[in-house]
Protein backbone atom coordinates (compact mmCIF):
# COMPACT_ATOMS: atom_id res chain seq x y z
CA MET A 1 93.85 197.15 33.27
CA ARG A 2 92.25 200.57 32.72
CA PHE A 3 90.16 201.45 29.71
CA GLY A 4 90.60 204.65 27.68
CA LEU A 5 88.09 207.51 27.64
CA VAL A 6 85.78 208.37 24.77
CA ASP A 7 87.18 210.87 22.25
CA ASP A 8 86.22 214.50 22.94
CA ASP A 9 84.77 215.01 19.45
CA PHE A 10 82.44 212.05 20.03
CA TYR A 11 81.32 213.05 23.50
CA ALA A 12 81.67 216.57 24.73
CA VAL A 13 81.85 215.37 28.27
CA LYS A 14 83.74 216.82 31.17
CA PRO A 15 84.75 214.97 34.27
CA GLY A 16 82.84 217.47 36.40
CA ASP A 17 79.57 216.58 34.74
CA TYR A 18 79.32 213.34 36.70
CA ILE A 19 77.50 213.14 39.96
CA GLN A 20 79.74 212.60 42.93
CA ALA A 21 79.25 209.62 45.19
CA GLY A 22 76.56 210.25 47.76
CA SER A 23 74.94 213.32 45.97
CA PRO A 24 71.18 213.40 45.46
CA LYS A 25 69.91 211.85 42.28
CA LYS A 26 68.39 214.10 39.60
CA SER A 27 65.66 212.97 37.26
CA LEU A 28 65.09 213.74 33.64
CA GLN A 29 62.07 215.73 34.48
CA SER A 30 63.94 218.02 36.82
CA ASP A 31 66.45 218.74 34.08
CA SER A 32 63.68 219.70 31.70
CA VAL A 33 62.18 221.96 34.28
CA ASN A 34 65.45 223.77 34.73
CA GLY A 35 65.50 224.51 31.07
CA ARG A 36 68.13 222.09 29.88
CA ASP A 37 67.67 219.62 27.11
CA ALA A 38 68.35 216.11 28.40
CA SER A 39 69.22 214.87 24.94
CA SER A 40 72.14 217.30 24.65
CA GLU A 41 74.10 215.78 27.54
CA PRO A 42 75.45 212.40 28.25
CA PRO A 43 73.15 210.11 30.20
CA ARG A 44 74.87 210.81 33.51
CA GLN A 45 71.68 210.16 35.52
CA VAL A 46 71.33 206.78 33.98
CA PHE A 47 74.99 205.86 34.63
CA ASP A 48 75.16 207.33 38.06
CA ASN A 49 76.74 204.39 39.83
CA GLY A 50 78.73 206.20 42.48
CA CYS A 51 81.96 206.60 40.47
CA THR A 52 83.90 209.83 40.80
CA THR A 53 85.09 209.95 37.19
CA ARG A 54 84.18 208.53 33.85
CA GLN A 55 87.33 206.36 33.91
CA SER A 56 86.38 204.79 37.23
CA MET A 57 82.82 204.36 36.03
CA LEU A 58 83.96 202.54 32.90
CA GLU A 59 86.20 200.25 34.91
CA GLY A 60 83.35 199.45 37.26
CA ILE A 61 81.01 198.71 34.40
CA ALA A 62 83.70 196.60 32.59
CA VAL A 63 84.17 194.21 35.46
CA ALA A 64 80.54 194.07 36.49
CA THR A 65 79.16 190.64 35.91
CA PRO A 66 75.84 190.02 34.17
CA LYS A 67 74.60 188.34 37.31
CA ARG A 68 75.01 191.44 39.46
CA ILE A 69 73.51 193.76 36.85
CA ASP A 70 70.60 191.45 36.15
CA SER A 71 69.92 190.94 39.84
CA SER A 72 69.59 194.69 40.34
CA LEU A 73 66.75 194.92 37.79
CA ASP A 74 63.19 193.91 38.41
CA LEU A 75 61.25 194.16 35.19
CA GLU A 76 57.93 193.97 36.90
CA GLN A 77 58.81 196.88 39.17
CA LEU A 78 60.03 198.84 36.16
CA GLU A 79 56.79 198.16 34.34
CA SER A 80 54.76 199.13 37.38
CA SER A 81 56.80 202.30 37.73
CA PHE A 82 55.51 203.42 34.33
CA SER A 83 51.89 202.74 35.23
CA PRO A 84 49.40 205.64 34.94
CA GLY A 85 49.18 207.99 37.87
CA LYS A 86 52.86 208.32 38.48
CA SER A 87 54.83 211.30 37.34
CA PRO A 88 58.20 211.01 35.59
CA SER A 89 59.83 212.72 38.49
CA LYS A 90 58.60 210.12 40.94
CA ARG A 91 59.45 207.35 38.59
CA ALA A 92 63.01 208.64 38.24
CA SER A 93 63.31 209.02 41.97
CA GLN A 94 62.02 205.53 42.49
CA HIS A 95 64.44 204.20 39.93
CA ASN A 96 67.36 205.96 41.57
CA GLN A 97 66.44 204.44 44.88
CA GLN A 98 66.35 200.99 43.31
CA THR A 99 69.69 201.43 41.64
CA ASN A 100 71.43 202.99 44.61
CA GLY A 101 72.41 199.53 45.82
CA ASN A 102 73.91 198.72 42.43
CA ALA A 103 76.35 201.62 42.77
CA GLU A 104 77.83 200.19 45.94
CA ASP A 105 78.15 196.83 44.27
CA LEU A 106 79.87 198.38 41.30
CA ARG A 107 82.32 200.23 43.52
CA GLU A 108 83.11 197.00 45.39
CA VAL A 109 83.61 195.22 42.09
CA ALA A 110 85.97 197.99 40.94
CA ARG A 111 88.01 197.72 44.12
CA ALA A 112 88.12 193.93 43.81
CA TYR A 113 89.23 194.26 40.24
CA GLU A 114 92.02 196.64 41.26
CA ARG A 115 93.19 194.12 43.85
CA PHE A 116 92.95 191.37 41.28
CA LEU A 117 95.12 193.34 38.85
CA TYR A 118 97.70 193.98 41.58
CA ASP A 119 97.81 190.33 42.60
CA TYR A 120 97.90 189.23 38.99
CA LYS A 121 100.93 191.38 38.22
CA ARG A 122 102.74 189.97 41.27
CA GLN A 123 101.84 186.36 40.66
CA GLN A 124 102.39 186.29 36.91
CA ARG A 125 104.50 183.09 36.31
CA SER A 126 105.10 182.73 32.60
CA PRO A 127 104.40 184.41 29.26
CA LEU A 128 101.66 181.90 28.49
CA SER A 129 99.81 182.48 31.78
CA ALA A 130 99.91 186.26 31.17
CA ALA A 131 98.55 185.73 27.68
CA ASN A 132 95.75 183.55 28.99
CA GLN A 133 94.92 186.20 31.60
CA LEU A 134 94.74 188.87 28.92
CA LYS A 135 92.46 186.65 26.94
CA PHE A 136 90.30 186.12 30.04
CA LEU A 137 90.11 189.88 30.66
CA ALA A 138 89.14 190.49 27.04
CA GLU A 139 86.41 187.90 27.27
CA SER A 140 85.23 189.39 30.59
CA GLU A 141 85.11 192.85 29.02
CA ARG A 142 83.15 191.51 26.10
CA ALA A 143 80.71 189.77 28.45
CA SER A 144 80.36 192.95 30.49
CA GLN A 145 79.68 194.94 27.34
CA GLU A 146 77.03 192.50 26.26
CA SER A 147 75.45 192.70 29.73
CA MET A 148 75.43 196.50 29.53
CA ASN A 149 73.84 196.35 26.11
CA GLU A 150 71.16 194.04 27.41
CA TYR A 151 70.71 196.24 30.47
CA TYR A 152 70.16 199.41 28.46
CA ARG A 153 67.98 197.68 25.94
CA ARG A 154 65.64 196.41 28.63
CA LYS A 155 65.70 199.73 30.46
CA LEU A 156 64.77 201.58 27.28
CA GLU A 157 61.97 199.17 26.67
CA VAL A 158 60.65 199.67 30.22
CA GLU A 159 61.08 203.42 30.64
CA GLY A 160 59.59 204.20 27.29
CA PRO A 161 59.80 207.26 25.15
CA TRP A 162 61.31 209.52 27.78
CA VAL A 163 64.64 207.88 27.28
CA SER A 164 64.55 207.97 23.50
CA ASP A 165 66.95 210.85 23.48
CA THR A 166 69.45 208.89 25.44
CA GLN A 167 69.16 205.78 23.28
CA LYS A 168 71.27 207.22 20.57
CA GLU A 169 73.97 208.11 23.03
CA LEU A 170 73.69 204.65 24.49
CA GLN A 171 74.12 203.05 21.11
CA GLN A 172 77.08 205.26 20.40
CA LEU A 173 78.55 204.40 23.78
CA CYS A 174 77.94 200.72 23.15
CA GLN A 175 79.63 200.96 19.80
CA TYR A 176 82.51 202.74 21.46
CA TYR A 177 82.92 200.08 24.07
CA LYS A 178 82.56 197.42 21.42
CA ARG A 179 85.39 198.99 19.49
CA ILE A 180 87.41 199.17 22.67
CA ALA A 181 86.63 195.52 23.40
CA ASP A 182 87.54 194.49 19.86
CA GLN A 183 90.71 196.52 20.08
CA LYS A 184 91.61 194.95 23.43
CA ASP A 185 90.79 191.52 22.08
CA SER A 186 93.01 192.13 19.05
CA GLU A 187 95.76 193.46 21.30
CA ALA A 188 95.38 190.46 23.56
CA GLN A 189 95.64 188.10 20.61
CA LYS A 190 98.68 189.94 19.34
CA ARG A 191 100.20 189.89 22.82
CA ILE A 192 99.51 186.18 23.07
CA GLN A 193 101.24 185.62 19.73
CA GLU A 194 104.14 187.82 20.82
CA LEU A 195 104.43 185.97 24.12
CA ARG A 196 104.37 182.64 22.33
CA ARG A 197 106.96 183.84 19.87
CA GLU A 198 109.10 185.23 22.70
CA PHE A 199 108.68 182.00 24.64
CA HIS A 200 109.67 179.95 21.58
CA GLU A 201 112.62 182.25 20.90
CA ALA A 202 113.63 182.03 24.55
CA ASN A 203 113.50 178.25 24.35
CA LEU A 204 115.58 178.32 21.18
CA ARG A 205 118.06 180.69 22.79
CA ASP A 206 118.22 178.50 25.88
CA GLN A 207 118.72 175.40 23.76
CA GLN A 208 121.37 177.12 21.69
CA SER A 209 123.03 178.38 24.87
CA ILE A 210 122.99 174.86 26.28
CA GLU A 211 124.47 173.45 23.07
CA VAL A 212 127.12 176.17 23.02
CA ALA A 213 127.89 175.48 26.68
CA LEU A 214 128.12 171.74 26.00
CA ARG A 215 130.43 172.36 23.07
CA LYS A 216 132.56 174.60 25.24
CA ILE A 217 132.66 171.96 27.98
CA GLU A 218 133.62 169.27 25.44
CA GLU A 219 136.31 171.54 24.02
CA ILE A 220 137.64 172.25 27.51
CA GLU A 221 137.65 168.53 28.37
CA ARG A 222 139.38 167.73 25.08
CA ARG A 223 142.03 170.38 25.75
CA GLU A 224 142.49 169.10 29.30
CA ALA A 225 142.84 165.50 28.04
CA LEU A 226 145.40 166.60 25.46
CA GLN A 227 147.20 168.59 28.12
CA ARG A 228 147.22 165.59 30.47
CA GLN A 229 148.53 163.34 27.69
CA GLU A 230 151.23 165.85 26.88
CA GLU A 231 152.17 166.11 30.56
CA GLU A 232 152.25 162.32 30.88
CA ARG A 233 154.42 162.07 27.78
CA LYS A 234 156.79 164.72 29.11
CA ARG A 235 156.95 163.01 32.50
CA ALA A 236 157.62 159.64 30.83
CA GLU A 237 160.34 161.16 28.67
CA LYS A 238 161.83 162.88 31.68
CA ALA A 239 161.72 159.67 33.72
CA LYS A 240 163.26 157.76 30.81
CA GLU A 241 166.04 160.32 30.47
CA GLU A 242 166.67 160.24 34.22
CA GLU A 243 166.71 156.43 34.16
CA GLU A 244 169.15 156.44 31.25
CA ARG A 245 171.37 158.95 33.03
CA ARG A 246 171.17 156.89 36.21
CA LYS A 247 172.03 153.68 34.35
CA ALA A 248 174.87 155.40 32.55
CA ALA A 249 176.20 156.72 35.84
CA GLU A 250 175.85 153.31 37.44
CA ALA A 251 177.54 151.63 34.48
CA LYS A 252 180.34 154.16 34.62
CA ALA A 253 180.72 153.67 38.36
CA GLN A 254 180.54 149.90 37.95
CA ALA A 255 183.17 149.99 35.23
CA ALA A 256 185.38 152.11 37.45
CA ARG A 257 184.88 149.72 40.35
CA GLU A 258 185.56 146.71 38.15
CA GLN A 259 188.68 148.29 36.74
CA GLU A 260 189.85 149.15 40.23
CA ALA A 261 189.05 145.62 41.38
CA ARG A 262 190.95 144.17 38.42
CA ASP A 263 193.92 146.37 39.13
CA LYS A 264 193.83 145.45 42.78
CA ALA A 265 193.41 141.76 41.98
CA ALA A 266 196.29 141.94 39.53
CA ARG A 267 198.50 143.54 42.15
CA GLU A 268 197.44 141.04 44.76
CA GLN A 269 197.85 138.14 42.36
CA GLU A 270 201.29 139.33 41.40
CA ALA A 271 202.24 139.46 45.06
CA LYS A 272 200.74 136.04 45.65
CA ASP A 273 202.55 134.60 42.64
CA ARG A 274 205.78 135.97 43.90
CA VAL A 275 205.18 134.51 47.35
CA ALA A 276 203.98 131.24 45.82
CA ARG A 277 207.04 130.93 43.66
CA GLU A 278 209.19 131.52 46.68
CA GLU A 279 207.36 128.88 48.67
CA ALA A 280 207.00 126.43 45.80
CA ALA A 281 210.53 125.14 46.12
CA LYS A 282 210.14 124.72 49.87
CA GLN A 283 206.81 122.93 49.45
CA ARG A 284 208.10 120.62 46.74
CA ALA A 285 210.91 119.47 48.96
CA ALA A 286 208.55 118.97 51.88
CA GLN A 287 206.00 117.22 49.65
CA GLU A 288 208.56 114.87 48.25
CA GLN A 289 209.59 113.89 51.73
CA ALA A 290 205.93 113.53 52.76
CA VAL A 291 205.17 111.40 49.70
CA LYS A 292 208.08 109.15 50.42
CA ALA A 293 207.02 108.79 54.04
CA GLN A 294 203.37 108.15 53.04
CA ALA A 295 204.40 105.61 50.45
CA ALA A 296 206.59 103.83 52.96
CA GLU A 297 203.75 103.80 55.48
CA GLU A 298 201.25 102.49 52.95
CA GLN A 299 203.63 99.83 51.75
CA GLN A 300 204.11 98.72 55.32
CA ALA A 301 200.35 98.61 55.86
CA GLN A 302 199.77 96.71 52.64
CA ARG A 303 202.51 94.22 53.49
CA ALA A 304 200.85 93.68 56.84
CA ALA A 305 197.50 93.14 55.14
CA LYS A 306 199.11 90.86 52.61
CA SER A 307 200.63 88.78 55.36
CA VAL A 308 197.21 88.43 57.01
CA GLN A 309 195.43 87.46 53.80
CA SER A 310 198.31 85.86 51.88
CA LYS A 311 196.31 82.75 51.21
CA SER A 312 193.47 84.61 49.38
CA TRP A 313 195.07 87.68 47.94
CA PRO A 314 197.02 87.42 44.61
CA ASP A 315 200.14 89.48 44.60
CA LYS A 316 199.60 90.68 41.06
CA LEU A 317 196.13 92.04 41.77
CA PHE A 318 197.37 93.68 44.93
CA ASP A 319 200.25 95.33 43.07
CA THR A 320 197.88 96.60 40.38
CA ALA A 321 195.58 98.14 42.98
CA GLN A 322 198.58 99.71 44.70
CA ALA A 323 199.76 101.21 41.41
CA ARG A 324 196.32 102.73 40.73
CA LEU A 325 196.14 104.20 44.23
CA ALA A 326 199.62 105.64 43.70
CA ILE A 327 198.40 107.44 40.57
CA ILE A 328 195.62 109.13 42.57
CA HIS A 329 198.10 109.97 45.30
CA ILE A 330 200.53 111.59 42.85
CA ILE A 331 197.77 113.65 41.22
CA LYS A 332 196.55 114.85 44.61
CA LYS A 333 199.89 115.53 46.28
CA GLN A 334 202.10 116.65 43.41
CA VAL A 335 200.24 117.68 40.29
CA LYS A 336 197.47 119.77 41.89
CA PRO A 337 199.82 121.85 44.10
CA GLN A 338 201.97 122.67 41.09
CA MET A 339 198.96 123.70 39.03
CA GLY A 340 197.62 125.82 41.90
CA THR A 341 200.39 128.35 41.41
CA ASN A 342 199.12 129.22 37.92
CA PRO A 343 195.87 131.30 38.07
CA THR A 344 195.21 131.04 34.34
CA LEU A 345 195.53 127.28 34.42
CA MET A 346 193.30 127.07 37.50
CA GLN A 347 190.60 129.07 35.73
CA SER A 348 190.79 126.70 32.76
CA ILE A 349 190.56 123.69 35.09
CA PHE A 350 187.59 125.27 36.86
CA ARG A 351 185.74 125.70 33.54
CA THR A 352 186.58 122.10 32.64
CA LYS A 353 185.22 120.92 35.98
CA MET A 354 181.93 122.78 35.39
CA THR A 355 181.62 121.23 31.92
CA ILE A 356 182.30 117.70 33.20
CA THR A 357 179.81 118.07 36.07
CA GLN A 358 177.15 119.39 33.69
CA LYS A 359 177.64 116.61 31.13
CA ILE A 360 177.63 113.81 33.73
CA GLY A 361 174.42 115.22 35.20
CA GLN A 362 172.76 115.15 31.75
CA ILE A 363 173.38 111.45 31.10
CA MET A 364 170.31 109.27 30.53
CA SER A 365 169.36 105.88 29.13
CA SER A 366 169.61 107.03 25.52
CA GLU A 367 172.22 105.79 23.07
CA LYS A 368 172.19 109.08 21.18
CA LYS A 369 172.61 111.12 24.36
CA VAL A 370 175.44 108.89 25.66
CA ILE A 371 177.33 109.24 22.38
CA GLU A 372 176.83 113.01 22.38
CA ILE A 373 178.14 113.36 25.95
CA GLY A 374 181.03 110.97 25.23
CA ARG A 375 182.17 113.06 22.28
CA ALA A 376 181.98 116.25 24.32
CA LEU A 377 184.06 114.78 27.17
CA ASP A 378 186.53 113.31 24.69
CA THR A 379 187.04 116.80 23.27
CA VAL A 380 187.57 118.22 26.76
CA LEU A 381 190.24 115.63 27.57
CA LYS A 382 191.99 116.07 24.23
CA ASN A 383 192.15 119.82 24.72
CA ALA A 384 193.59 119.32 28.20
CA LYS A 385 196.13 116.83 26.90
CA SER A 386 197.25 119.25 24.21
CA ALA A 387 197.77 121.90 26.89
CA SER A 388 199.92 119.87 29.31
CA GLN A 389 200.19 116.43 30.88
CA GLU A 390 199.49 117.90 34.30
CA GLU A 391 196.21 119.48 33.14
CA TYR A 392 195.34 116.23 31.35
CA ALA A 393 195.87 114.22 34.56
CA ILE A 394 193.81 116.65 36.62
CA CYS A 395 190.93 116.60 34.08
CA MET A 396 190.89 112.76 34.06
CA ASP A 397 190.83 112.81 37.85
CA LEU A 398 187.93 115.30 37.84
CA LEU A 399 185.99 113.07 35.42
CA ALA A 400 186.63 109.98 37.57
CA LYS A 401 185.48 111.82 40.71
CA SER A 402 182.27 112.92 38.92
CA VAL A 403 181.56 109.29 37.97
CA VAL A 404 182.11 108.19 41.58
CA LYS A 405 179.78 110.91 42.91
CA GLN A 406 177.11 109.95 40.39
CA ALA A 407 177.39 106.31 41.48
CA GLU A 408 177.17 107.20 45.18
CA SER A 409 174.14 109.47 44.79
CA GLU A 410 171.97 108.24 41.91
CA ILE A 411 173.03 104.66 41.17
CA ALA A 412 172.80 103.75 44.86
CA VAL A 413 169.02 104.28 44.71
CA LYS A 414 168.39 103.65 40.99
CA THR A 415 170.43 100.72 39.72
CA ASP A 416 169.38 100.93 36.05
CA SER A 417 171.12 104.32 35.72
CA ALA A 418 174.49 102.50 36.05
CA PHE A 419 174.41 101.14 32.47
CA PRO A 420 174.55 104.40 30.44
CA LEU A 421 177.25 105.71 32.80
CA ALA A 422 179.26 102.46 32.38
CA ILE A 423 179.05 102.71 28.57
CA LEU A 424 180.22 106.32 28.77
CA CYS A 425 183.24 105.31 30.89
CA ILE A 426 184.17 102.55 28.41
CA MET A 427 183.93 105.02 25.51
CA ILE A 428 186.27 107.40 27.34
CA TYR A 429 188.95 104.91 28.41
CA ARG A 430 189.00 103.32 24.92
CA GLN A 431 190.09 106.75 23.60
CA HIS A 432 192.17 107.61 26.69
CA THR A 433 193.68 104.43 28.14
CA GLU A 434 195.13 106.27 31.13
CA PHE A 435 191.61 107.07 32.30
CA LEU A 436 190.90 103.41 33.22
CA ASP A 437 193.63 103.36 35.88
CA VAL A 438 192.51 106.75 37.23
CA LEU A 439 188.87 105.60 37.34
CA LEU A 440 189.64 102.28 39.08
CA GLY A 441 191.99 104.10 41.45
CA ARG A 442 189.14 106.40 42.46
CA PHE A 443 186.83 103.37 42.85
CA ILE A 444 189.34 101.57 45.09
CA LYS A 445 190.09 104.70 47.15
CA ARG A 446 186.39 105.21 47.87
CA CYS A 447 185.36 101.52 47.99
CA PRO A 448 188.14 99.01 48.87
CA TYR A 449 185.72 96.13 48.20
CA ILE A 450 186.26 96.64 44.45
CA VAL A 451 189.79 95.16 44.82
CA PRO A 452 188.27 93.13 46.62
CA LEU A 453 189.80 93.91 50.00
CA TYR A 454 188.56 94.07 53.57
CA PRO A 455 190.91 96.65 55.14
CA PRO A 456 192.43 95.35 58.39
CA ARG A 457 192.48 97.33 61.60
CA PHE A 458 195.88 97.94 63.11
CA GLU A 459 196.57 98.29 66.78
CA SER A 460 197.46 101.96 66.39
CA ASP A 461 194.22 102.78 64.52
CA THR A 462 191.53 104.82 66.20
CA ASP A 463 187.88 104.40 65.29
CA ASP A 464 188.07 107.38 62.94
CA ASP A 465 191.19 106.02 61.27
CA PHE A 466 189.55 102.66 60.67
CA ARG A 467 186.38 104.29 59.31
CA LYS A 468 188.43 106.32 56.85
CA ARG A 469 190.20 103.16 55.68
CA LEU A 470 186.84 101.42 55.18
CA GLY A 471 185.54 104.36 53.15
CA TYR A 472 183.07 105.90 55.60
CA ARG A 473 182.11 109.52 54.89
CA GLU A 474 182.51 112.16 57.59
CA ILE A 475 179.40 114.32 57.49
CA ASP A 476 180.57 116.82 60.09
CA ASP A 477 183.25 117.10 62.73
CA ASP A 478 183.30 113.70 64.45
CA VAL A 479 179.91 112.89 62.83
CA TRP A 480 179.97 109.92 60.43
CA GLU A 481 177.34 108.43 58.19
CA ASP A 482 175.48 105.45 59.61
CA GLU A 483 175.90 101.86 58.45
CA ILE A 484 172.82 101.88 56.22
CA GLN A 485 174.01 104.95 54.30
CA TYR A 486 177.48 103.46 54.05
CA THR A 487 176.17 100.14 52.71
CA GLU A 488 173.97 101.84 50.08
CA ARG A 489 176.89 103.95 48.88
CA MET A 490 179.23 100.94 48.64
CA CYS A 491 176.56 99.01 46.71
CA GLY A 492 176.27 101.95 44.29
CA LEU A 493 180.00 101.78 43.55
CA ILE A 494 179.86 97.97 43.17
CA ALA A 495 176.93 98.49 40.76
CA ILE A 496 178.87 100.81 38.42
CA TYR A 497 181.87 98.43 38.59
CA ALA A 498 179.65 95.45 37.70
CA ALA A 499 177.96 97.44 34.91
CA ILE A 500 181.37 98.20 33.39
CA VAL A 501 182.68 94.61 33.43
CA GLN A 502 179.44 93.10 32.04
CA THR A 503 179.17 95.51 29.06
CA THR A 504 179.62 93.60 25.81
CA ILE A 505 177.72 95.72 23.28
CA ILE A 506 180.93 97.70 22.57
CA PRO A 507 184.58 96.58 22.73
CA ASN A 508 185.59 96.56 26.39
CA ASP A 509 189.19 96.44 27.61
CA TYR A 510 188.05 95.65 31.15
CA GLY A 511 185.46 92.92 30.56
CA LEU A 512 183.80 89.88 32.12
CA GLN A 513 187.05 88.09 33.04
CA ASN A 514 187.71 90.78 35.62
CA GLY A 515 184.19 90.33 36.96
CA LEU A 516 184.64 86.58 37.31
CA ASN A 517 187.97 87.14 39.10
CA TRP A 518 186.27 89.56 41.51
CA LEU A 519 183.56 87.00 42.32
CA PHE A 520 186.06 84.21 43.03
CA LEU A 521 188.31 86.47 45.10
CA ILE A 522 185.56 87.87 47.33
CA LEU A 523 184.26 84.33 47.93
CA SER A 524 187.75 83.33 49.05
CA ILE A 525 187.79 85.98 51.80
CA GLU A 526 186.17 85.49 55.16
CA PRO A 527 182.69 87.09 54.88
CA ARG A 528 181.89 90.34 56.66
CA ARG A 529 178.60 91.94 57.57
CA ILE A 530 178.52 93.90 54.29
CA SER A 531 179.46 90.89 52.10
CA PRO A 532 175.91 89.64 51.20
CA PHE A 533 174.85 93.14 50.05
CA LEU A 534 177.89 93.54 47.80
CA ILE A 535 177.67 90.03 46.26
CA LEU A 536 173.90 90.33 45.66
CA ARG A 537 174.27 93.70 43.91
CA PHE A 538 177.12 92.37 41.75
CA LEU A 539 175.17 89.24 40.69
CA GLU A 540 171.99 91.24 39.95
CA ILE A 541 173.89 93.36 37.42
CA ALA A 542 176.67 91.11 36.03
CA GLY A 543 175.36 87.60 36.85
CA HIS A 544 173.35 87.21 33.63
CA GLU A 545 176.38 87.83 31.37
CA LEU A 546 178.69 85.77 33.61
CA LEU A 547 176.37 82.79 33.41
CA LYS A 548 176.07 83.30 29.68
CA GLN A 549 179.82 83.62 28.92
CA TYR A 550 181.37 81.56 31.75
CA ARG A 551 178.61 79.18 32.76
CA PRO A 552 180.67 76.35 34.37
CA GLN A 553 182.82 78.72 36.42
CA THR A 554 179.80 80.82 37.41
CA GLU A 555 177.75 77.75 38.44
CA GLU A 556 180.69 76.56 40.53
CA ALA A 557 180.93 79.94 42.24
CA LEU A 558 177.16 80.07 42.89
CA THR A 559 177.21 76.56 44.40
CA PHE A 560 180.09 77.49 46.67
CA LEU A 561 178.29 80.70 47.61
CA ARG A 562 175.09 78.89 48.55
CA ASN A 563 176.53 75.91 50.34
CA GLU A 564 179.65 77.24 52.06
CA PHE A 565 179.84 81.03 51.99
CA VAL A 566 176.32 81.98 53.11
CA PRO A 567 176.46 79.88 56.28
CA LYS A 568 179.61 81.77 57.31
CA ILE A 569 178.02 85.24 57.04
CA PRO A 570 177.75 86.93 60.47
CA ALA A 571 174.38 86.67 62.16
CA LYS A 572 174.11 90.48 62.34
CA ALA A 573 173.74 90.56 58.53
CA ILE A 574 170.40 88.71 58.64
CA ALA A 575 168.68 91.14 56.27
CA GLY A 576 171.34 90.91 53.57
CA THR A 577 171.71 87.16 54.04
CA THR A 578 167.97 86.60 53.61
CA ARG A 579 167.82 88.59 50.40
CA LEU A 580 170.86 86.80 49.00
CA GLN A 581 169.39 83.39 49.92
CA ILE A 582 166.10 84.21 48.16
CA PHE A 583 168.02 85.28 45.05
CA LEU A 584 170.07 82.07 45.00
CA ASP A 585 166.97 79.91 45.48
CA SER A 586 165.36 81.57 42.47
CA VAL A 587 168.51 81.10 40.35
CA PHE A 588 168.84 77.41 41.17
CA GLU A 589 165.12 76.88 40.65
CA LYS A 590 165.04 78.56 37.21
CA GLY A 591 168.59 77.69 36.17
CA ALA A 592 169.23 81.24 35.01
CA ILE A 593 169.83 84.78 36.22
CA PRO A 594 167.43 87.32 34.67
CA PRO A 595 169.00 90.20 32.70
CA PRO A 596 169.07 93.46 34.66
CA GLU A 597 166.58 96.22 33.90
CA GLY A 598 167.98 99.13 31.91
CA ARG A 599 170.81 97.16 30.32
CA SER A 600 169.64 98.00 26.78
CA LEU A 601 169.70 101.70 25.95
CA GLY A 602 166.98 103.45 24.01
CA ASN A 603 167.48 105.50 20.89
């Protein structure tokens, strides 16, 4: 920072009045000798510090430190320089020699200050640091001014009256520099306040800019979120519309395909009906001949069996069984083929079959459930009967087959499930008397031991023929069920038969008398390997009621069974014989047969 010059009206000073660096020093005395008044000029000899101009001199003096100025003065030397015997000219010369070194120091200080100002301007970091630097410079200037004041005061005191003329100028110069220092200090304070205000305003502007930027960012993000939501909504709507169009197209195509399929099926069905009607007459004639031939063959076989077992087989019972088998044969060979030519009727029969299968599968040991299923099946049969006798016969046959399948699958492994099914059968054949013959016909066809009958083997029979007559099931081509599976299945059918005949909680048209007849008849036949299993299962279910209703006859049959029948059982049936013997021992020991589990239905 450079300081301003003194006003011209205060000092009539010219730049050329100063002594150039390196010129000889002039004393006050020499000026007086030359005829000039020293008091009329500025004290250039006193301030001769090697500066080329007043501006440079002022800058050198401003940055000069009190230490350097004070170190250049030796008060004792100054006092000795004014001792008697020395002329003013010598004293001035001596003083100039002493202060010559101070000029070099001042010039070095000026150069250092210039470098400092240059570095300061380059390294200025913030408004506050610049303000502090200005304050430091103002304080340095003030300290320099005070040092100059002290310097001149002491010099005036030492040099005495010969400098009295210059004292006034010195005071004026000091006042001038004081004003300059005060002005610079005031400017520095103002600059500091301005810098602080600018810094505060800059901070406020930055903060406001940041807030504005944040608000803009939030607004942009909000717009982008709304835009994304709108795009998602449009995409969803577009996808929904495309899906609806696709579904509509698929539905239309599906409807067209279904209509085409219906038309094609109608055409094909019409052709089939025409062909079926043409072949129906031929088939009926062939079927009638086949039925007659089959009936003749069966009658021949039954007569042969009757001749073998004439001593133990009542003709009436045999005829009844034959009549029931004939009913099944007629339904299978005559009624079903006739109904097969009517697609509408076959669809109705198929729906009836699904209903019967579903209801039989839902049966459980609950009186309420059994009654509900019985009413539903009664309605099915009544509807079929109102349609036609053929449909009625087929529906009864379907119901009987469902009962047989249930007995073979579930009752064979869970005996107590036979009782609700038996009650259901009784409820049905009390409303539809024809159903009893169809049901027993299906029982006899699947299990000849219900007659009871042990089918004979003819000389012309193969192993497969004999297995079919016994009721074995063919699992696959030339693959038959084993003897254990066969025995369990036959016992399941005997269980449902025994459960039917022993039921007394509702009126029963096929009751205990038939069960007692079965027991006597099977005991009158030569035992087979399966005999102990069948008799044991029958007694476990129906023995309690037989002993209760027909005690003398039942005790007689049990005694005959224990003493005469069991010893005749083949040795291969050791497992069944052992179980039957244990059962009989318990009965004779307790004098009673325990009631079977599950006989009483729940609510």
